[in-house]
Amino acid sequence: MFTELKEEFSDELGLIKSRLNSKGLTLENELLLEVLEHLKLAEGNFFMALLLLLTGQLGPKQCTTDLIKVATGVESLYLANLFHNEIIDNNLLRRKQKSTNSKWNDNISVIMGDFFLLVV
């Protein structure tokens, strides 16, 4: 069922992914850009954003630009939480590849978590 929902909302999820990926365009720090590129390889399931999109179907306007913005913000907060949890849980892998803290270090993981908190 989750796969079907992702397919049904593929256009909206694509917009959310694009908005998240564009957050790094203003960065000039090569290391942070490298970490963001690493994240693109580990695309998540966007469960939080999908849940919000589903909830939006209950209202009269269905999917609006504002809903996409809010879903992007929710997903950004979720990503920030994941980065910080990597350190707490000492995760070495996330989605079958090295976690940020194991590929670089805990400080980079904290900075990336903070970055996603700031780009909301």
PDB file of N, CA and C in Angstrom:
ATOM      1  N   MET A   1       0.803  -1.189   0.000  1.00  0.00           N
ATOM      2  CA  MET A   1       0.000   0.000   0.000  1.00  0.00           C
ATOM      3  C   MET A   1       0.854   1.265   0.000  1.00  0.00           C
ATOM      4  N   PHE A   2       1.966   1.244   0.737  1.00  0.00           N
ATOM      5  CA  PHE A   2       2.848   2.405   0.794  1.00  0.00           C
ATOM      6  C   PHE A   2       3.393   2.728  -0.592  1.00  0.00           C
ATOM      7  N   THR A   3       3.779   1.713  -1.332  1.00  0.00           N
ATOM      8  CA  THR A   3       4.305   1.913  -2.683  1.00  0.00           C
ATOM      9  C   THR A   3       3.257   2.548  -3.585  1.00  0.00           C
ATOM     10  N   GLU A   4       2.026   2.111  -3.469  1.00  0.00           N
ATOM     11  CA  GLU A   4       0.946   2.681  -4.273  1.00  0.00           C
ATOM     12  C   GLU A   4       0.719   4.147  -3.922  1.00  0.00           C
ATOM     13  N   LEU A   5       0.789   4.464  -2.634  1.00  0.00           N
ATOM     14  CA  LEU A   5       0.617   5.861  -2.217  1.00  0.00           C
ATOM     15  C   LEU A   5       1.746   6.731  -2.749  1.00  0.00           C
ATOM     16  N   LYS A   6       2.968   6.219  -2.706  1.00  0.00           N
ATOM     17  CA  LYS A   6       4.095   6.975  -3.240  1.00  0.00           C
ATOM     18  C   LYS A   6       3.924   7.227  -4.733  1.00  0.00           C
ATOM     19  N   GLU A   7       3.395   6.247  -5.441  1.00  0.00           N
ATOM     20  CA  GLU A   7       3.150   6.426  -6.871  1.00  0.00           C
ATOM     21  C   GLU A   7       2.050   7.458  -7.110  1.00  0.00           C
ATOM     22  N   GLU A   8       0.994   7.393  -6.294  1.00  0.00           N
ATOM     23  CA  GLU A   8      -0.120   8.323  -6.443  1.00  0.00           C
ATOM     24  C   GLU A   8       0.311   9.771  -6.213  1.00  0.00           C
ATOM     25  N   PHE A   9       1.238   9.968  -5.292  1.00  0.00           N
ATOM     26  CA  PHE A   9       1.714  11.310  -4.951  1.00  0.00           C
ATOM     27  C   PHE A   9       3.118  11.573  -5.515  1.00  0.00           C
ATOM     28  N   SER A  10       3.492  10.883  -6.563  1.00  0.00           N
ATOM     29  CA  SER A  10       4.856  11.009  -7.084  1.00  0.00           C
ATOM     30  C   SER A  10       5.180  12.433  -7.549  1.00  0.00           C
ATOM     31  N   ASP A  11       4.228  13.119  -8.145  1.00  0.00           N
ATOM     32  CA  ASP A  11       4.484  14.499  -8.579  1.00  0.00           C
ATOM     33  C   ASP A  11       4.756  15.408  -7.389  1.00  0.00           C
ATOM     34  N   GLU A  12       3.929  15.293  -6.370  1.00  0.00           N
ATOM     35  CA  GLU A  12       4.087  16.126  -5.175  1.00  0.00           C
ATOM     36  C   GLU A  12       5.381  15.784  -4.440  1.00  0.00           C
ATOM     37  N   LEU A  13       5.683  14.487  -4.318  1.00  0.00           N
ATOM     38  CA  LEU A  13       6.930  14.081  -3.654  1.00  0.00           C
ATOM     39  C   LEU A  13       8.130  14.560  -4.455  1.00  0.00           C
ATOM     40  N   GLY A  14       8.015  14.562  -5.766  1.00  0.00           N
ATOM     41  CA  GLY A  14       9.088  15.089  -6.614  1.00  0.00           C
ATOM     42  C   GLY A  14       9.339  16.563  -6.348  1.00  0.00           C
ATOM     43  N   LEU A  15       8.275  17.334  -6.164  1.00  0.00           N
ATOM     44  CA  LEU A  15       8.419  18.754  -5.830  1.00  0.00           C
ATOM     45  C   LEU A  15       9.096  18.939  -4.478  1.00  0.00           C
ATOM     46  N   ILE A  16       8.723  18.110  -3.521  1.00  0.00           N
ATOM     47  CA  ILE A  16       9.321  18.191  -2.189  1.00  0.00           C
ATOM     48  C   ILE A  16      10.805  17.845  -2.255  1.00  0.00           C
ATOM     49  N   LYS A  17      11.152  16.785  -2.965  1.00  0.00           N
ATOM     50  CA  LYS A  17      12.556  16.410  -3.118  1.00  0.00           C
ATOM     51  C   LYS A  17      13.349  17.517  -3.786  1.00  0.00           C
ATOM     52  N   SER A  18      12.774  18.130  -4.815  1.00  0.00           N
ATOM     53  CA  SER A  18      13.454  19.230  -5.510  1.00  0.00           C
ATOM     54  C   SER A  18      13.684  20.406  -4.580  1.00  0.00           C
ATOM     55  N   ARG A  19      12.673  20.718  -3.771  1.00  0.00           N
ATOM     56  CA  ARG A  19      12.824  21.833  -2.833  1.00  0.00           C
ATOM     57  C   ARG A  19      13.913  21.535  -1.794  1.00  0.00           C
ATOM     58  N   LEU A  20      13.952  20.301  -1.302  1.00  0.00           N
ATOM     59  CA  LEU A  20      14.998  19.937  -0.332  1.00  0.00           C
ATOM     60  C   LEU A  20      16.376  19.966  -0.976  1.00  0.00           C
ATOM     61  N   ASN A  21      16.495  19.434  -2.183  1.00  0.00           N
ATOM     62  CA  ASN A  21      17.787  19.408  -2.859  1.00  0.00           C
ATOM     63  C   ASN A  21      18.273  20.802  -3.220  1.00  0.00           C
ATOM     64  N   SER A  22      17.358  21.720  -3.478  1.00  0.00           N
ATOM     65  CA  SER A  22      17.755  23.074  -3.860  1.00  0.00           C
ATOM     66  C   SER A  22      18.286  23.875  -2.676  1.00  0.00           C
ATOM     67  N   LYS A  23      18.050  23.406  -1.464  1.00  0.00           N
ATOM     68  CA  LYS A  23      18.521  24.123  -0.276  1.00  0.00           C
ATOM     69  C   LYS A  23      20.040  24.245  -0.262  1.00  0.00           C
ATOM     70  N   GLY A  24      20.722  23.292  -0.856  1.00  0.00           N
ATOM     71  CA  GLY A  24      22.180  23.322  -0.850  1.00  0.00           C
ATOM     72  C   GLY A  24      22.789  24.175  -1.937  1.00  0.00           C
ATOM     73  N   LEU A  25      21.975  24.710  -2.836  1.00  0.00           N
ATOM     74  CA  LEU A  25      22.511  25.481  -3.957  1.00  0.00           C
ATOM     75  C   LEU A  25      23.216  26.745  -3.522  1.00  0.00           C
ATOM     76  N   THR A  26      22.866  27.261  -2.362  1.00  0.00           N
ATOM     77  CA  THR A  26      23.488  28.495  -1.894  1.00  0.00           C
ATOM     78  C   THR A  26      24.756  28.231  -1.078  1.00  0.00           C
ATOM     79  N   LEU A  27      25.060  26.981  -0.836  1.00  0.00           N
ATOM     80  CA  LEU A  27      26.254  26.651  -0.050  1.00  0.00           C
ATOM     81  C   LEU A  27      27.521  26.803  -0.879  1.00  0.00           C
ATOM     82  N   GLU A  28      28.552  27.312  -0.241  1.00  0.00           N
ATOM     83  CA  GLU A  28      29.846  27.415  -0.896  1.00  0.00           C
ATOM     84  C   GLU A  28      30.868  26.471  -0.274  1.00  0.00           C
ATOM     85  N   ASN A  29      30.501  25.806   0.803  1.00  0.00           N
ATOM     86  CA  ASN A  29      31.403  24.899   1.490  1.00  0.00           C
ATOM     87  C   ASN A  29      31.402  23.540   0.773  1.00  0.00           C
ATOM     88  N   GLU A  30      32.551  23.157   0.252  1.00  0.00           N
ATOM     89  CA  GLU A  30      32.636  21.917  -0.531  1.00  0.00           C
ATOM     90  C   GLU A  30      32.308  20.671   0.279  1.00  0.00           C
ATOM     91  N   LEU A  31      32.717  20.648   1.536  1.00  0.00           N
ATOM     92  CA  LEU A  31      32.437  19.476   2.369  1.00  0.00           C
ATOM     93  C   LEU A  31      30.931  19.310   2.585  1.00  0.00           C
ATOM     94  N   LEU A  32      30.240  20.398   2.895  1.00  0.00           N
ATOM     95  CA  LEU A  32      28.794  20.305   3.097  1.00  0.00           C
ATOM     96  C   LEU A  32      28.078  19.929   1.804  1.00  0.00           C
ATOM     97  N   LEU A  33      28.569  20.430   0.676  1.00  0.00           N
ATOM     98  CA  LEU A  33      27.996  20.032  -0.619  1.00  0.00           C
ATOM     99  C   LEU A  33      28.206  18.544  -0.870  1.00  0.00           C
ATOM    100  N   GLU A  34      29.371  18.041  -0.480  1.00  0.00           N
ATOM    101  CA  GLU A  34      29.669  16.607  -0.627  1.00  0.00           C
ATOM    102  C   GLU A  34      28.719  15.770   0.242  1.00  0.00           C
ATOM    103  N   VAL A  35      28.465  16.238   1.455  1.00  0.00           N
ATOM    104  CA  VAL A  35      27.549  15.515   2.342  1.00  0.00           C
ATOM    105  C   VAL A  35      26.133  15.532   1.754  1.00  0.00           C
ATOM    106  N   LEU A  36      25.708  16.675   1.226  1.00  0.00           N
ATOM    107  CA  LEU A  36      24.386  16.748   0.600  1.00  0.00           C
ATOM    108  C   LEU A  36      24.293  15.811  -0.599  1.00  0.00           C
ATOM    109  N   GLU A  37      25.345  15.711  -1.366  1.00  0.00           N
ATOM    110  CA  GLU A  37      25.355  14.788  -2.510  1.00  0.00           C
ATOM    111  C   GLU A  37      25.249  13.345  -2.016  1.00  0.00           C
ATOM    112  N   HIS A  38      25.919  13.035  -0.922  1.00  0.00           N
ATOM    113  CA  HIS A  38      25.832  11.713  -0.307  1.00  0.00           C
ATOM    114  C   HIS A  38      24.385  11.403   0.074  1.00  0.00           C
ATOM    115  N   LEU A  39      23.684  12.414   0.568  1.00  0.00           N
ATOM    116  CA  LEU A  39      22.294  12.223   0.970  1.00  0.00           C
ATOM    117  C   LEU A  39      21.390  11.928  -0.213  1.00  0.00           C
ATOM    118  N   LYS A  40      21.672  12.524  -1.361  1.00  0.00           N
ATOM    119  CA  LYS A  40      20.849  12.273  -2.540  1.00  0.00           C
ATOM    120  C   LYS A  40      20.893  10.806  -2.933  1.00  0.00           C
ATOM    121  N   LEU A  41      22.033  10.168  -2.673  1.00  0.00           N
ATOM    122  CA  LEU A  41      22.168   8.747  -2.994  1.00  0.00           C
ATOM    123  C   LEU A  41      21.340   7.897  -2.040  1.00  0.00           C
ATOM    124  N   ALA A  42      21.048   8.448  -0.871  1.00  0.00           N
ATOM    125  CA  ALA A  42      20.306   7.693   0.152  1.00  0.00           C
ATOM    126  C   ALA A  42      18.903   8.237   0.298  1.00  0.00           C
ATOM    127  N   GLU A  43      18.235   8.420  -0.816  1.00  0.00           N
ATOM    128  CA  GLU A  43      16.891   8.994  -0.749  1.00  0.00           C
ATOM    129  C   GLU A  43      16.019   8.208   0.212  1.00  0.00           C
ATOM    130  N   GLY A  44      15.325   8.963   1.013  1.00  0.00           N
ATOM    131  CA  GLY A  44      14.446   8.346   1.995  1.00  0.00           C
ATOM    132  C   GLY A  44      13.099   7.998   1.407  1.00  0.00           C
ATOM    133  N   ASN A  45      12.239   7.538   2.277  1.00  0.00           N
ATOM    134  CA  ASN A  45      10.915   7.151   1.812  1.00  0.00           C
ATOM    135  C   ASN A  45       9.920   8.305   1.892  1.00  0.00           C
ATOM    136  N   PHE A  46      10.326   9.432   2.506  1.00  0.00           N
ATOM    137  CA  PHE A  46       9.486  10.623   2.607  1.00  0.00           C
ATOM    138  C   PHE A  46       8.134  10.312   3.242  1.00  0.00           C
ATOM    139  N   PHE A  47       8.173   9.469   4.250  1.00  0.00           N
ATOM    140  CA  PHE A  47       6.953   9.052   4.937  1.00  0.00           C
ATOM    141  C   PHE A  47       6.235  10.233   5.583  1.00  0.00           C
ATOM    142  N   MET A  48       6.988  11.100   6.246  1.00  0.00           N
ATOM    143  CA  MET A  48       6.363  12.238   6.930  1.00  0.00           C
ATOM    144  C   MET A  48       5.675  13.157   5.926  1.00  0.00           C
ATOM    145  N   ALA A  49       6.349  13.442   4.832  1.00  0.00           N
ATOM    146  CA  ALA A  49       5.756  14.302   3.806  1.00  0.00           C
ATOM    147  C   ALA A  49       4.527  13.636   3.197  1.00  0.00           C
ATOM    148  N   LEU A  50       4.619  12.343   2.956  1.00  0.00           N
ATOM    149  CA  LEU A  50       3.489  11.613   2.381  1.00  0.00           C
ATOM    150  C   LEU A  50       2.292  11.625   3.334  1.00  0.00           C
ATOM    151  N   LEU A  51       2.552  11.481   4.609  1.00  0.00           N
ATOM    152  CA  LEU A  51       1.478  11.536   5.599  1.00  0.00           C
ATOM    153  C   LEU A  51       0.786  12.903   5.583  1.00  0.00           C
ATOM    154  N   LEU A  52       1.577  13.941   5.467  1.00  0.00           N
ATOM    155  CA  LEU A  52       1.010  15.285   5.404  1.00  0.00           C
ATOM    156  C   LEU A  52       0.204  15.479   4.118  1.00  0.00           C
ATOM    157  N   LEU A  53       0.706  14.983   2.997  1.00  0.00           N
ATOM    158  CA  LEU A  53      -0.028  15.076   1.729  1.00  0.00           C
ATOM    159  C   LEU A  53      -1.358  14.329   1.815  1.00  0.00           C
ATOM    160  N   LEU A  54      -1.331  13.178   2.455  1.00  0.00           N
ATOM    161  CA  LEU A  54      -2.577  12.420   2.641  1.00  0.00           C
ATOM    162  C   LEU A  54      -3.574  13.193   3.497  1.00  0.00           C
ATOM    163  N   THR A  55      -3.080  13.798   4.548  1.00  0.00           N
ATOM    164  CA  THR A  55      -3.933  14.588   5.425  1.00  0.00           C
ATOM    165  C   THR A  55      -4.536  15.765   4.654  1.00  0.00           C
ATOM    166  N   GLY A  56      -3.757  16.325   3.749  1.00  0.00           N
ATOM    167  CA  GLY A  56      -4.248  17.423   2.926  1.00  0.00           C
ATOM    168  C   GLY A  56      -5.420  17.038   2.046  1.00  0.00           C
ATOM    169  N   GLN A  57      -5.562  15.763   1.764  1.00  0.00           N
ATOM    170  CA  GLN A  57      -6.680  15.295   0.944  1.00  0.00           C
ATOM    171  C   GLN A  57      -8.014  15.416   1.675  1.00  0.00           C
ATOM    172  N   LEU A  58      -7.977  15.612   2.985  1.00  0.00           N
ATOM    173  CA  LEU A  58      -9.208  15.725   3.769  1.00  0.00           C
ATOM    174  C   LEU A  58      -9.860  17.095   3.612  1.00  0.00           C
ATOM    175  N   GLY A  59      -9.082  18.085   3.179  1.00  0.00           N
ATOM    176  CA  GLY A  59      -9.617  19.432   3.042  1.00  0.00           C
ATOM    177  C   GLY A  59     -10.183  19.688   1.653  1.00  0.00           C
ATOM    178  N   PRO A  60     -10.744  20.866   1.470  1.00  0.00           N
ATOM    179  CA  PRO A  60     -11.391  21.183   0.193  1.00  0.00           C
ATOM    180  C   PRO A  60     -10.414  21.494  -0.942  1.00  0.00           C
ATOM    181  N   LYS A  61      -9.168  21.876  -0.630  1.00  0.00           N
ATOM    182  CA  LYS A  61      -8.247  22.310  -1.677  1.00  0.00           C
ATOM    183  C   LYS A  61      -7.291  21.229  -2.154  1.00  0.00           C
ATOM    184  N   GLN A  62      -7.335  20.063  -1.585  1.00  0.00           N
ATOM    185  CA  GLN A  62      -6.459  18.945  -1.962  1.00  0.00           C
ATOM    186  C   GLN A  62      -4.988  19.335  -1.809  1.00  0.00           C
ATOM    187  N   CYS A  63      -4.244  19.471  -2.893  1.00  0.00           N
ATOM    188  CA  CYS A  63      -2.808  19.752  -2.785  1.00  0.00           C
ATOM    189  C   CYS A  63      -2.510  21.150  -3.308  1.00  0.00           C
ATOM    190  N   THR A  64      -2.013  21.986  -2.438  1.00  0.00           N
ATOM    191  CA  THR A  64      -1.687  23.351  -2.810  1.00  0.00           C
ATOM    192  C   THR A  64      -0.194  23.584  -2.661  1.00  0.00           C
ATOM    193  N   THR A  65       0.262  24.713  -3.168  1.00  0.00           N
ATOM    194  CA  THR A  65       1.664  25.094  -3.026  1.00  0.00           C
ATOM    195  C   THR A  65       2.035  25.208  -1.551  1.00  0.00           C
ATOM    196  N   ASP A  66       1.116  25.744  -0.758  1.00  0.00           N
ATOM    197  CA  ASP A  66       1.378  25.868   0.686  1.00  0.00           C
ATOM    198  C   ASP A  66       1.566  24.501   1.333  1.00  0.00           C
ATOM    199  N   LEU A  67       0.790  23.528   0.913  1.00  0.00           N
ATOM    200  CA  LEU A  67       0.919  22.178   1.462  1.00  0.00           C
ATOM    201  C   LEU A  67       2.281  21.578   1.099  1.00  0.00           C
ATOM    202  N   ILE A  68       2.741  21.824  -0.104  1.00  0.00           N
ATOM    203  CA  ILE A  68       4.071  21.355  -0.528  1.00  0.00           C
ATOM    204  C   ILE A  68       5.142  22.011   0.341  1.00  0.00           C
ATOM    205  N   LYS A  69       4.998  23.300   0.612  1.00  0.00           N
ATOM    206  CA  LYS A  69       5.966  24.005   1.463  1.00  0.00           C
ATOM    207  C   LYS A  69       5.990  23.421   2.874  1.00  0.00           C
ATOM    208  N   VAL A  70       4.811  23.178   3.420  1.00  0.00           N
ATOM    209  CA  VAL A  70       4.733  22.619   4.775  1.00  0.00           C
ATOM    210  C   VAL A  70       5.309  21.200   4.796  1.00  0.00           C
ATOM    211  N   ALA A  71       4.979  20.397   3.803  1.00  0.00           N
ATOM    212  CA  ALA A  71       5.502  19.027   3.733  1.00  0.00           C
ATOM    213  C   ALA A  71       7.024  19.038   3.604  1.00  0.00           C
ATOM    214  N   THR A  72       7.561  19.998   2.861  1.00  0.00           N
ATOM    215  CA  THR A  72       9.020  20.136   2.747  1.00  0.00           C
ATOM    216  C   THR A  72       9.620  20.486   4.106  1.00  0.00           C
ATOM    217  N   GLY A  73       8.963  21.378   4.821  1.00  0.00           N
ATOM    218  CA  GLY A  73       9.438  21.750   6.153  1.00  0.00           C
ATOM    219  C   GLY A  73       9.415  20.587   7.124  1.00  0.00           C
ATOM    220  N   VAL A  74       8.341  19.810   7.091  1.00  0.00           N
ATOM    221  CA  VAL A  74       8.230  18.642   7.967  1.00  0.00           C
ATOM    222  C   VAL A  74       9.322  17.629   7.637  1.00  0.00           C
ATOM    223  N   GLU A  75       9.552  17.393   6.367  1.00  0.00           N
ATOM    224  CA  GLU A  75      10.595  16.441   5.963  1.00  0.00           C
ATOM    225  C   GLU A  75      11.981  16.955   6.350  1.00  0.00           C
ATOM    226  N   SER A  76      12.173  18.266   6.256  1.00  0.00           N
ATOM    227  CA  SER A  76      13.442  18.866   6.656  1.00  0.00           C
ATOM    228  C   SER A  76      13.691  18.678   8.156  1.00  0.00           C
ATOM    229  N   LEU A  77      12.669  18.891   8.959  1.00  0.00           N
ATOM    230  CA  LEU A  77      12.797  18.663  10.401  1.00  0.00           C
ATOM    231  C   LEU A  77      13.088  17.197  10.712  1.00  0.00           C
ATOM    232  N   TYR A  78      12.447  16.320   9.955  1.00  0.00           N
ATOM    233  CA  TYR A  78      12.679  14.884  10.144  1.00  0.00           C
ATOM    234  C   TYR A  78      14.134  14.524   9.802  1.00  0.00           C
ATOM    235  N   LEU A  79      14.648  15.081   8.708  1.00  0.00           N
ATOM    236  CA  LEU A  79      16.042  14.823   8.333  1.00  0.00           C
ATOM    237  C   LEU A  79      17.001  15.344   9.404  1.00  0.00           C
ATOM    238  N   ALA A  80      16.717  16.527   9.919  1.00  0.00           N
ATOM    239  CA  ALA A  80      17.563  17.086  10.984  1.00  0.00           C
ATOM    240  C   ALA A  80      17.597  16.140  12.173  1.00  0.00           C
ATOM    241  N   ASN A  81      16.456  15.610  12.530  1.00  0.00           N
ATOM    242  CA  ASN A  81      16.370  14.671  13.637  1.00  0.00           C
ATOM    243  C   ASN A  81      17.187  13.404  13.353  1.00  0.00           C
ATOM    244  N   LEU A  82      17.131  12.920  12.112  1.00  0.00           N
ATOM    245  CA  LEU A  82      17.906  11.720  11.758  1.00  0.00           C
ATOM    246  C   LEU A  82      19.408  11.942  11.934  1.00  0.00           C
ATOM    247  N   PHE A  83      19.890  13.090  11.498  1.00  0.00           N
ATOM    248  CA  PHE A  83      21.320  13.390  11.653  1.00  0.00           C
ATOM    249  C   PHE A  83      21.728  13.395  13.112  1.00  0.00           C
ATOM    250  N   HIS A  84      20.941  14.039  13.928  1.00  0.00           N
ATOM    251  CA  HIS A  84      21.278  14.109  15.347  1.00  0.00           C
ATOM    252  C   HIS A  84      21.151  12.734  16.013  1.00  0.00           C
ATOM    253  N   ASN A  85      20.172  11.946  15.578  1.00  0.00           N
ATOM    254  CA  ASN A  85      20.009  10.600  16.145  1.00  0.00           C
ATOM    255  C   ASN A  85      21.134   9.660  15.747  1.00  0.00           C
ATOM    256  N   GLU A  86      21.754   9.885  14.581  1.00  0.00           N
ATOM    257  CA  GLU A  86      22.893   9.048  14.188  1.00  0.00           C
ATOM    258  C   GLU A  86      23.961   9.063  15.267  1.00  0.00           C
ATOM    259  N   ILE A  87      24.162  10.215  15.857  1.00  0.00           N
ATOM    260  CA  ILE A  87      25.198  10.359  16.892  1.00  0.00           C
ATOM    261  C   ILE A  87      24.756   9.682  18.178  1.00  0.00           C
ATOM    262  N   ILE A  88      23.535   9.955  18.580  1.00  0.00           N
ATOM    263  CA  ILE A  88      23.023   9.389  19.825  1.00  0.00           C
ATOM    264  C   ILE A  88      23.019   7.862  19.764  1.00  0.00           C
ATOM    265  N   ASP A  89      22.552   7.321  18.641  1.00  0.00           N
ATOM    266  CA  ASP A  89      22.442   5.866  18.477  1.00  0.00           C
ATOM    267  C   ASP A  89      23.730   5.232  17.970  1.00  0.00           C
ATOM    268  N   ASN A  90      24.693   6.057  17.597  1.00  0.00           N
ATOM    269  CA  ASN A  90      25.947   5.592  17.011  1.00  0.00           C
ATOM    270  C   ASN A  90      25.695   4.688  15.790  1.00  0.00           C
ATOM    271  N   ASN A  91      24.760   5.123  14.949  1.00  0.00           N
ATOM    272  CA  ASN A  91      24.452   4.371  13.730  1.00  0.00           C
ATOM    273  C   ASN A  91      25.616   4.432  12.748  1.00  0.00           C
ATOM    274  N   LEU A  92      25.969   3.301  12.197  1.00  0.00           N
ATOM    275  CA  LEU A  92      27.022   3.258  11.189  1.00  0.00           C
ATOM    276  C   LEU A  92      26.447   3.228   9.777  1.00  0.00           C
ATOM    277  N   LEU A  93      25.207   2.777   9.669  1.00  0.00           N
ATOM    278  CA  LEU A  93      24.546   2.692   8.366  1.00  0.00           C
ATOM    279  C   LEU A  93      23.180   3.349   8.417  1.00  0.00           C
ATOM    280  N   ARG A  94      22.819   3.951   7.304  1.00  0.00           N
ATOM    281  CA  ARG A  94      21.450   4.417   7.121  1.00  0.00           C
ATOM    282  C   ARG A  94      21.082   4.125   5.679  1.00  0.00           C
ATOM    283  N   ARG A  95      19.994   3.411   5.513  1.00  0.00           N
ATOM    284  CA  ARG A  95      19.524   3.005   4.185  1.00  0.00           C
ATOM    285  C   ARG A  95      20.625   2.301   3.381  1.00  0.00           C
ATOM    286  N   LYS A  96      21.285   1.373   4.049  1.00  0.00           N
ATOM    287  CA  LYS A  96      22.282   0.484   3.451  1.00  0.00           C
ATOM    288  C   LYS A  96      23.543   1.194   2.964  1.00  0.00           C
ATOM    289  N   GLN A  97      23.812   2.361   3.469  1.00  0.00           N
ATOM    290  CA  GLN A  97      25.093   3.011   3.190  1.00  0.00           C
ATOM    291  C   GLN A  97      25.581   3.711   4.444  1.00  0.00           C
ATOM    292  N   LYS A  98      26.850   4.109   4.430  1.00  0.00           N
ATOM    293  CA  LYS A  98      27.435   4.715   5.619  1.00  0.00           C
ATOM    294  C   LYS A  98      26.646   5.941   6.053  1.00  0.00           C
ATOM    295  N   SER A  99      26.416   6.030   7.356  1.00  0.00           N
ATOM    296  CA  SER A  99      25.762   7.220   7.899  1.00  0.00           C
ATOM    297  C   SER A  99      26.753   8.385   7.843  1.00  0.00           C
ATOM    298  N   THR A 100      26.232   9.570   8.003  1.00  0.00           N
ATOM    299  CA  THR A 100      27.076  10.761   7.917  1.00  0.00           C
ATOM    300  C   THR A 100      28.156  10.757   8.991  1.00  0.00           C
ATOM    301  N   ASN A 101      27.781  10.389  10.200  1.00  0.00           N
ATOM    302  CA  ASN A 101      28.772  10.407  11.279  1.00  0.00           C
ATOM    303  C   ASN A 101      29.834   9.327  11.108  1.00  0.00           C
ATOM    304  N   SER A 102      29.517   8.214  10.451  1.00  0.00           N
ATOM    305  CA  SER A 102      30.548   7.192  10.252  1.00  0.00           C
ATOM    306  C   SER A 102      31.407   7.486   9.017  1.00  0.00           C
ATOM    307  N   LYS A 103      30.846   8.154   8.026  1.00  0.00           N
ATOM    308  CA  LYS A 103      31.633   8.496   6.835  1.00  0.00           C
ATOM    309  C   LYS A 103      32.528   9.703   7.099  1.00  0.00           C
ATOM    310  N   TRP A 104      32.026  10.688   7.862  1.00  0.00           N
ATOM    311  CA  TRP A 104      32.818  11.859   8.194  1.00  0.00           C
ATOM    312  C   TRP A 104      33.083  11.845   9.693  1.00  0.00           C
ATOM    313  N   ASN A 105      32.241  12.499  10.472  1.00  0.00           N
ATOM    314  CA  ASN A 105      32.374  12.463  11.928  1.00  0.00           C
ATOM    315  C   ASN A 105      31.117  13.044  12.578  1.00  0.00           C
ATOM    316  N   ASP A 106      31.067  12.977  13.894  1.00  0.00           N
ATOM    317  CA  ASP A 106      29.894  13.459  14.621  1.00  0.00           C
ATOM    318  C   ASP A 106      29.648  14.946  14.402  1.00  0.00           C
ATOM    319  N   ASN A 107      30.723  15.731  14.321  1.00  0.00           N
ATOM    320  CA  ASN A 107      30.563  17.173  14.140  1.00  0.00           C
ATOM    321  C   ASN A 107      29.853  17.496  12.825  1.00  0.00           C
ATOM    322  N   ILE A 108      30.221  16.795  11.763  1.00  0.00           N
ATOM    323  CA  ILE A 108      29.583  17.017  10.464  1.00  0.00           C
ATOM    324  C   ILE A 108      28.110  16.617  10.539  1.00  0.00           C
ATOM    325  N   SER A 109      27.833  15.541  11.233  1.00  0.00           N
ATOM    326  CA  SER A 109      26.448  15.107  11.386  1.00  0.00           C
ATOM    327  C   SER A 109      25.617  16.154  12.129  1.00  0.00           C
ATOM    328  N   VAL A 110      26.184  16.753  13.165  1.00  0.00           N
ATOM    329  CA  VAL A 110      25.491  17.813  13.907  1.00  0.00           C
ATOM    330  C   VAL A 110      25.272  19.023  13.003  1.00  0.00           C
ATOM    331  N   ILE A 111      26.295  19.407  12.272  1.00  0.00           N
ATOM    332  CA  ILE A 111      26.178  20.567  11.380  1.00  0.00           C
ATOM    333  C   ILE A 111      25.099  20.331  10.329  1.00  0.00           C
ATOM    334  N   MET A 112      25.052  19.128   9.766  1.00  0.00           N
ATOM    335  CA  MET A 112      24.033  18.841   8.754  1.00  0.00           C
ATOM    336  C   MET A 112      22.639  18.829   9.372  1.00  0.00           C
ATOM    337  N   GLY A 113      22.523  18.294  10.579  1.00  0.00           N
ATOM    338  CA  GLY A 113      21.230  18.346  11.258  1.00  0.00           C
ATOM    339  C   GLY A 113      20.800  19.778  11.494  1.00  0.00           C
ATOM    340  N   ASP A 114      21.728  20.614  11.932  1.00  0.00           N
ATOM    341  CA  ASP A 114      21.430  22.024  12.156  1.00  0.00           C
ATOM    342  C   ASP A 114      21.084  22.725  10.838  1.00  0.00           C
ATOM    343  N   PHE A 115      21.783  22.347   9.770  1.00  0.00           N
ATOM    344  CA  PHE A 115      21.495  22.922   8.455  1.00  0.00           C
ATOM    345  C   PHE A 115      20.037  22.661   8.061  1.00  0.00           C
ATOM    346  N   PHE A 116      19.577  21.426   8.255  1.00  0.00           N
ATOM    347  CA  PHE A 116      18.201  21.114   7.897  1.00  0.00           C
ATOM    348  C   PHE A 116      17.196  21.773   8.834  1.00  0.00           C
ATOM    349  N   LEU A 117      17.612  22.093  10.053  1.00  0.00           N
ATOM    350  CA  LEU A 117      16.728  22.862  10.933  1.00  0.00           C
ATOM    351  C   LEU A 117      16.608  24.312  10.440  1.00  0.00           C
ATOM    352  N   LEU A 118      17.691  24.825   9.900  1.00  0.00           N
ATOM    353  CA  LEU A 118      17.702  26.225   9.458  1.00  0.00           C
ATOM    354  C   LEU A 118      17.014  26.436   8.119  1.00  0.00           C
ATOM    355  N   VAL A 119      16.973  25.414   7.284  1.00  0.00           N
ATOM    356  CA  VAL A 119      16.393  25.594   5.954  1.00  0.00           C
ATOM    357  C   VAL A 119      14.898  25.380   5.928  1.00  0.00           C
ATOM    358  N   VAL A 120      14.312  25.070   7.076  1.00  0.00           N
ATOM    359  CA  VAL A 120      12.861  24.908   7.140  1.00  0.00           C
ATOM    360  C   VAL A 120      12.245  26.238   6.804  1.00  0.00           C
TER     361      VAL A 120
END
